[in-house]
C-alpha atoms as a PDB file:
ATOM      1  CA  MET A   1     -12.016 -30.476 -24.849  1.00  0.00           C
ATOM      2  CA  GLY A   2     -13.612 -31.014 -28.223  1.00  0.00           C
ATOM      3  CA  ALA A   3     -16.311 -28.430 -27.479  1.00  0.00           C
ATOM      4  CA  ALA A   4     -13.695 -25.881 -26.413  1.00  0.00           C
ATOM      5  CA  ALA A   5     -11.701 -26.596 -29.587  1.00  0.00           C
ATOM      6  CA  ALA A   6     -14.825 -26.059 -31.707  1.00  0.00           C
ATOM      7  CA  LEU A   7     -15.582 -22.814 -29.900  1.00  0.00           C
ATOM      8  CA  ALA A   8     -11.986 -21.619 -30.270  1.00  0.00           C
ATOM      9  CA  GLY A   9     -12.040 -22.353 -34.003  1.00  0.00           C
ATOM     10  CA  ALA A  10     -15.377 -20.596 -34.469  1.00  0.00           C
ATOM     11  CA  ALA A  11     -14.064 -17.579 -32.548  1.00  0.00           C
ATOM     12  CA  GLY A  12     -10.971 -17.318 -34.735  1.00  0.00           C
ATOM     13  CA  MET A  13      -8.521 -18.666 -32.157  1.00  0.00           C
ATOM     14  CA  ALA A  14      -6.992 -21.115 -34.622  1.00  0.00           C
ATOM     15  CA  GLU A  15      -3.795 -21.905 -32.720  1.00  0.00           C
ATOM     16  CA  ARG A  16      -5.687 -22.576 -29.509  1.00  0.00           C
ATOM     17  CA  ALA A  17      -8.203 -24.698 -31.436  1.00  0.00           C
ATOM     18  CA  ALA A  18      -5.398 -26.791 -32.974  1.00  0.00           C
ATOM     19  CA  ARG A  19      -3.749 -27.240 -29.573  1.00  0.00           C
ATOM     20  CA  LEU A  20      -7.033 -28.336 -27.985  1.00  0.00           C
ATOM     21  CA  LEU A  21      -7.745 -30.717 -30.870  1.00  0.00           C
ATOM     22  CA  GLY A  22      -4.286 -32.234 -30.371  1.00  0.00           C
ATOM     23  CA  ALA A  23      -4.932 -32.580 -26.637  1.00  0.00           C
ATOM     24  CA  ASP A  24      -8.330 -34.132 -27.358  1.00  0.00           C
ATOM     25  CA  GLU A  25      -6.723 -36.644 -29.750  1.00  0.00           C
ATOM     26  CA  ALA A  26      -4.096 -37.593 -27.143  1.00  0.00           C
ATOM     27  CA  LEU A  27      -6.776 -38.000 -24.470  1.00  0.00           C
ATOM     28  CA  ARG A  28      -8.813 -40.221 -26.784  1.00  0.00           C
ATOM     29  CA  GLN A  29      -5.798 -42.394 -27.523  1.00  0.00           C
ATOM     30  CA  ASN A  30      -4.720 -42.623 -23.879  1.00  0.00           C
ATOM     31  CA  THR A  31      -8.184 -43.566 -22.637  1.00  0.00           C
ATOM     32  CA  GLY A  32      -9.203 -45.774 -25.545  1.00  0.00           C
ATOM     33  CA  MET A  33     -12.140 -43.536 -26.434  1.00  0.00           C
ATOM     34  CA  PRO A  34     -13.278 -44.185 -30.007  1.00  0.00           C
ATOM     35  CA  VAL A  35     -12.864 -41.774 -32.874  1.00  0.00           C
ATOM     36  CA  PRO A  36     -16.058 -39.733 -33.284  1.00  0.00           C
ATOM     37  CA  GLU A  37     -18.984 -41.638 -34.788  1.00  0.00           C
ATOM     38  CA  GLU A  38     -20.132 -40.794 -38.299  1.00  0.00           C
ATOM     39  CA  ILE A  39     -22.748 -38.362 -37.014  1.00  0.00           C
ATOM     40  CA  ASN A  40     -20.025 -36.445 -35.139  1.00  0.00           C
ATOM     41  CA  ARG A  41     -17.410 -36.889 -37.846  1.00  0.00           C
ATOM     42  CA  ALA A  42     -18.682 -33.936 -39.871  1.00  0.00           C
ATOM     43  CA  MET A  43     -18.466 -31.645 -36.832  1.00  0.00           C
ATOM     44  CA  TYR A  44     -14.979 -32.949 -36.024  1.00  0.00           C
ATOM     45  CA  GLU A  45     -13.844 -32.343 -39.608  1.00  0.00           C
ATOM     46  CA  ARG A  46     -15.367 -28.848 -39.518  1.00  0.00           C
ATOM     47  CA  ASP A  47     -13.458 -28.095 -36.304  1.00  0.00           C
ATOM     48  CA  LEU A  48     -10.225 -29.326 -37.898  1.00  0.00           C
ATOM     49  CA  ALA A  49     -10.871 -27.159 -40.946  1.00  0.00           C
ATOM     50  CA  ALA A  50     -11.468 -24.088 -38.757  1.00  0.00           C
ATOM     51  CA  ALA A  51      -8.165 -24.640 -36.958  1.00  0.00           C
ATOM     52  CA  HIS A  52      -6.317 -25.223 -40.251  1.00  0.00           C
ATOM     53  CA  ARG A  53      -7.855 -22.161 -41.882  1.00  0.00           C
ATOM     54  CA  GLY A  54      -6.167 -19.727 -39.527  1.00  0.00           C
ATOM     55  CA  LEU A  55      -2.728 -21.348 -39.554  1.00  0.00           C
ATOM     56  CA  SER A  56      -0.042 -22.422 -41.962  1.00  0.00           C
ATOM     57  CA  GLU A  57       0.568 -26.154 -42.189  1.00  0.00           C
ATOM     58  CA  VAL A  58       3.728 -25.806 -40.085  1.00  0.00           C
ATOM     59  CA  ALA A  59       1.979 -23.701 -37.423  1.00  0.00           C
ATOM     60  CA  PHE A  60      -0.938 -26.141 -37.290  1.00  0.00           C
ATOM     61  CA  ALA A  61       1.391 -29.116 -36.895  1.00  0.00           C
ATOM     62  CA  ALA A  62       3.318 -27.351 -34.125  1.00  0.00           C
ATOM     63  CA  ALA A  63       0.135 -26.409 -32.241  1.00  0.00           C
ATOM     64  CA  TRP A  64      -1.267 -29.936 -32.674  1.00  0.00           C
ATOM     65  CA  ALA A  65       1.954 -31.485 -31.338  1.00  0.00           C
ATOM     66  CA  ALA A  66       2.012 -29.040 -28.422  1.00  0.00           C
ATOM     67  CA  GLY A  67      -1.574 -29.985 -27.601  1.00  0.00           C
ATOM     68  CA  ARG A  68      -0.778 -33.687 -27.713  1.00  0.00           C
ATOM     69  CA  ALA A  69       2.031 -33.076 -25.222  1.00  0.00           C
ATOM     70  CA  LEU A  70      -0.063 -30.960 -22.819  1.00  0.00           C
ATOM     71  CA  PRO A  71      -0.704 -32.470 -19.397  1.00  0.00           C
ATOM     72  CA  LEU A  72      -4.430 -32.991 -18.843  1.00  0.00           C
ATOM     73  CA  GLU A  73      -4.619 -30.213 -16.242  1.00  0.00           C
ATOM     74  CA  ASP A  74      -3.071 -27.704 -18.660  1.00  0.00           C
ATOM     75  CA  ALA A  75      -5.393 -28.762 -21.470  1.00  0.00           C
ATOM     76  CA  LEU A  76      -8.409 -28.340 -19.202  1.00  0.00           C
ATOM     77  CA  ALA A  77      -7.164 -24.901 -18.129  1.00  0.00           C
ATOM     78  CA  GLU A  78      -6.798 -23.897 -21.772  1.00  0.00           C
ATOM     79  CA  ALA A  79     -10.325 -25.136 -22.503  1.00  0.00           C
ATOM     80  CA  GLU A  80     -11.644 -23.120 -19.544  1.00  0.00           C
ATOM     81  CA  ALA A  81      -9.828 -20.042 -20.867  1.00  0.00           C
ATOM     82  CA  VAL A  82     -11.661 -20.369 -24.194  1.00  0.00           C
ATOM     83  CA  PHE A  83     -15.043 -20.599 -22.483  1.00  0.00           C
ATOM     84  CA  ALA A  84     -14.167 -17.624 -20.262  1.00  0.00           C
ATOM     85  CA  ALA A  85     -13.042 -15.484 -23.215  1.00  0.00           C
ATOM     86  CA  VAL A  86     -16.297 -16.134 -25.048  1.00  0.00           C
ATOM     87  CA  ALA A  87     -18.398 -15.604 -21.895  1.00  0.00           C
ATOM     88  CA  GLU A  88     -16.664 -12.274 -21.223  1.00  0.00           C
ATOM     89  CA  GLY A  89     -17.298 -11.180 -24.799  1.00  0.00           C
ATOM     90  CA  ALA A  90     -13.583 -10.942 -25.584  1.00  0.00           C
ATOM     91  CA  VAL A  91     -14.323 -13.037 -28.675  1.00  0.00           C
ATOM     92  CA  ALA A  92     -17.590 -14.208 -30.159  1.00  0.00           C
ATOM     93  CA  PRO A  93     -18.076 -17.256 -32.333  1.00  0.00           C
ATOM     94  CA  ASP A  94     -19.805 -16.862 -35.658  1.00  0.00           C
ATOM     95  CA  ARG A  95     -20.175 -13.106 -35.280  1.00  0.00           C
ATOM     96  CA  PRO A  96     -21.008 -11.482 -38.611  1.00  0.00           C
ATOM     97  CA  ALA A  97     -18.264  -9.172 -39.778  1.00  0.00           C
ATOM     98  CA  PRO A  98     -19.765  -5.695 -39.393  1.00  0.00           C
ATOM     99  CA  ALA A  99     -17.679  -3.865 -41.999  1.00  0.00           C
ATOM    100  CA  HIS A 100     -18.954  -5.861 -44.948  1.00  0.00           C
ATOM    101  CA  GLY A 101     -22.043  -7.674 -43.679  1.00  0.00           C
ATOM    102  CA  LEU A 102     -20.817 -11.194 -44.394  1.00  0.00           C
ATOM    103  CA  SER A 103     -21.734 -14.008 -42.031  1.00  0.00           C
ATOM    104  CA  SER A 104     -19.022 -16.219 -40.576  1.00  0.00           C
ATOM    105  CA  ARG A 105     -19.999 -18.954 -43.063  1.00  0.00           C
ATOM    106  CA  GLU A 106     -19.709 -16.512 -45.959  1.00  0.00           C
ATOM    107  CA  LEU A 107     -16.272 -15.503 -44.686  1.00  0.00           C
ATOM    108  CA  GLU A 108     -15.300 -19.187 -44.748  1.00  0.00           C
ATOM    109  CA  VAL A 109     -16.457 -19.344 -48.360  1.00  0.00           C
ATOM    110  CA  VAL A 110     -14.542 -16.140 -49.186  1.00  0.00           C
ATOM    111  CA  ARG A 111     -11.335 -17.712 -47.835  1.00  0.00           C
ATOM    112  CA  LEU A 112     -11.916 -20.831 -49.922  1.00  0.00           C
ATOM    113  CA  ILE A 113     -12.608 -18.737 -53.032  1.00  0.00           C
ATOM    114  CA  ALA A 114      -9.321 -16.924 -52.374  1.00  0.00           C
ATOM    115  CA  GLU A 115      -7.608 -20.322 -52.296  1.00  0.00           C
ATOM    116  CA  GLY A 116      -8.934 -20.913 -55.805  1.00  0.00           C
ATOM    117  CA  ARG A 117     -11.483 -23.546 -54.843  1.00  0.00           C
ATOM    118  CA  SER A 118     -14.422 -24.391 -57.097  1.00  0.00           C
ATOM    119  CA  ASN A 119     -17.988 -24.457 -55.796  1.00  0.00           C
ATOM    120  CA  GLN A 120     -17.810 -28.249 -55.520  1.00  0.00           C
ATOM    121  CA  GLU A 121     -14.522 -28.043 -53.610  1.00  0.00           C
ATOM    122  CA  ILE A 122     -16.084 -25.445 -51.287  1.00  0.00           C
ATOM    123  CA  ALA A 123     -19.064 -27.730 -50.753  1.00  0.00           C
ATOM    124  CA  ASP A 124     -16.784 -30.660 -49.945  1.00  0.00           C
ATOM    125  CA  ALA A 125     -14.601 -28.618 -47.572  1.00  0.00           C
ATOM    126  CA  LEU A 126     -17.598 -27.276 -45.636  1.00  0.00           C
ATOM    127  CA  PHE A 127     -19.726 -30.444 -45.773  1.00  0.00           C
ATOM    128  CA  ILE A 128     -22.547 -28.666 -47.587  1.00  0.00           C
ATOM    129  CA  GLY A 129     -24.290 -29.270 -50.877  1.00  0.00           C
ATOM    130  CA  HIS A 130     -23.056 -27.885 -54.196  1.00  0.00           C
ATOM    131  CA  ARG A 131     -26.194 -25.783 -54.551  1.00  0.00           C
ATOM    132  CA  THR A 132     -25.643 -24.277 -51.068  1.00  0.00           C
ATOM    133  CA  ALA A 133     -22.035 -23.418 -51.943  1.00  0.00           C
ATOM    134  CA  THR A 134     -23.213 -21.787 -55.170  1.00  0.00           C
ATOM    135  CA  THR A 135     -25.785 -19.763 -53.233  1.00  0.00           C
ATOM    136  CA  HIS A 136     -23.126 -18.603 -50.768  1.00  0.00           C
ATOM    137  CA  VAL A 137     -20.890 -17.466 -53.638  1.00  0.00           C
ATOM    138  CA  ARG A 138     -23.760 -15.593 -55.296  1.00  0.00           C
ATOM    139  CA  ASN A 139     -24.702 -13.913 -51.978  1.00  0.00           C
ATOM    140  CA  ILE A 140     -21.082 -12.880 -51.380  1.00  0.00           C
ATOM    141  CA  LEU A 141     -20.825 -11.340 -54.844  1.00  0.00           C
ATOM    142  CA  ASN A 142     -24.081  -9.433 -54.249  1.00  0.00           C
ATOM    143  CA  LYS A 143     -23.179  -8.239 -50.742  1.00  0.00           C
ATOM    144  CA  LEU A 144     -19.742  -7.038 -51.815  1.00  0.00           C
ATOM    145  CA  GLY A 145     -20.959  -5.594 -55.106  1.00  0.00           C
ATOM    146  CA  LEU A 146     -18.380  -7.601 -57.051  1.00  0.00           C
ATOM    147  CA  ASP A 147     -18.735  -9.371 -60.383  1.00  0.00           C
ATOM    148  CA  SER A 148     -16.252 -12.260 -60.248  1.00  0.00           C
ATOM    149  CA  ARG A 149     -14.572 -14.804 -58.030  1.00  0.00           C
ATOM    150  CA  THR A 150     -11.244 -13.160 -58.866  1.00  0.00           C
ATOM    151  CA  ALA A 151     -12.550  -9.875 -57.505  1.00  0.00           C
ATOM    152  CA  VAL A 152     -13.662 -11.683 -54.320  1.00  0.00           C
ATOM    153  CA  ALA A 153     -10.181 -13.189 -53.951  1.00  0.00           C
ATOM    154  CA  ALA A 154      -8.548  -9.778 -54.423  1.00  0.00           C
ATOM    155  CA  TRP A 155     -10.955  -8.257 -51.894  1.00  0.00           C
ATOM    156  CA  ALA A 156     -10.138 -11.044 -49.402  1.00  0.00           C
ATOM    157  CA  ILE A 157      -6.429 -10.344 -49.759  1.00  0.00           C
ATOM    158  CA  ARG A 158      -6.939  -6.601 -49.226  1.00  0.00           C
ATOM    159  CA  GLN A 159      -9.014  -7.355 -46.119  1.00  0.00           C
ATOM    160  CA  GLY A 160      -6.377  -9.715 -44.736  1.00  0.00           C
ATOM    161  CA  LEU A 161      -8.693 -12.700 -44.984  1.00  0.00           C
ATOM    162  CA  ALA A 162      -6.494 -14.749 -47.302  1.00  0.00           C
END
């Protein structure tokens, strides 16, 4: 279910991603499976961040709780639905946004800029280096033809990204 949750988060299906992450957590606890190893921890944290990004704290908590309560068969059906939606092209993970030419990673950075995060906070949230975060910010400014982080935040709000 973890792979389906990651795919759902990458495809912008935040509520479904949170529900599947909750179901995955419950399955791990019920079977005694360990928490992801350090090498997988970064991916797990990224998947959590993707699910959080599209939902309010209350909505995330509700979806997580609903996922934890899902019977295994229902959780598997939901995971299959995610794979089917992506396979049918109904949604596509990490698809660049055509209207403004930003990659999915740059859109993540835009959302974090709109939250008022510094480059270091962006780097920490996305598990990337400070220099990489700075490069993303510079590329976003260039692609959008803007001259400040405030302008990026205002643009994000107008686009419904924040």
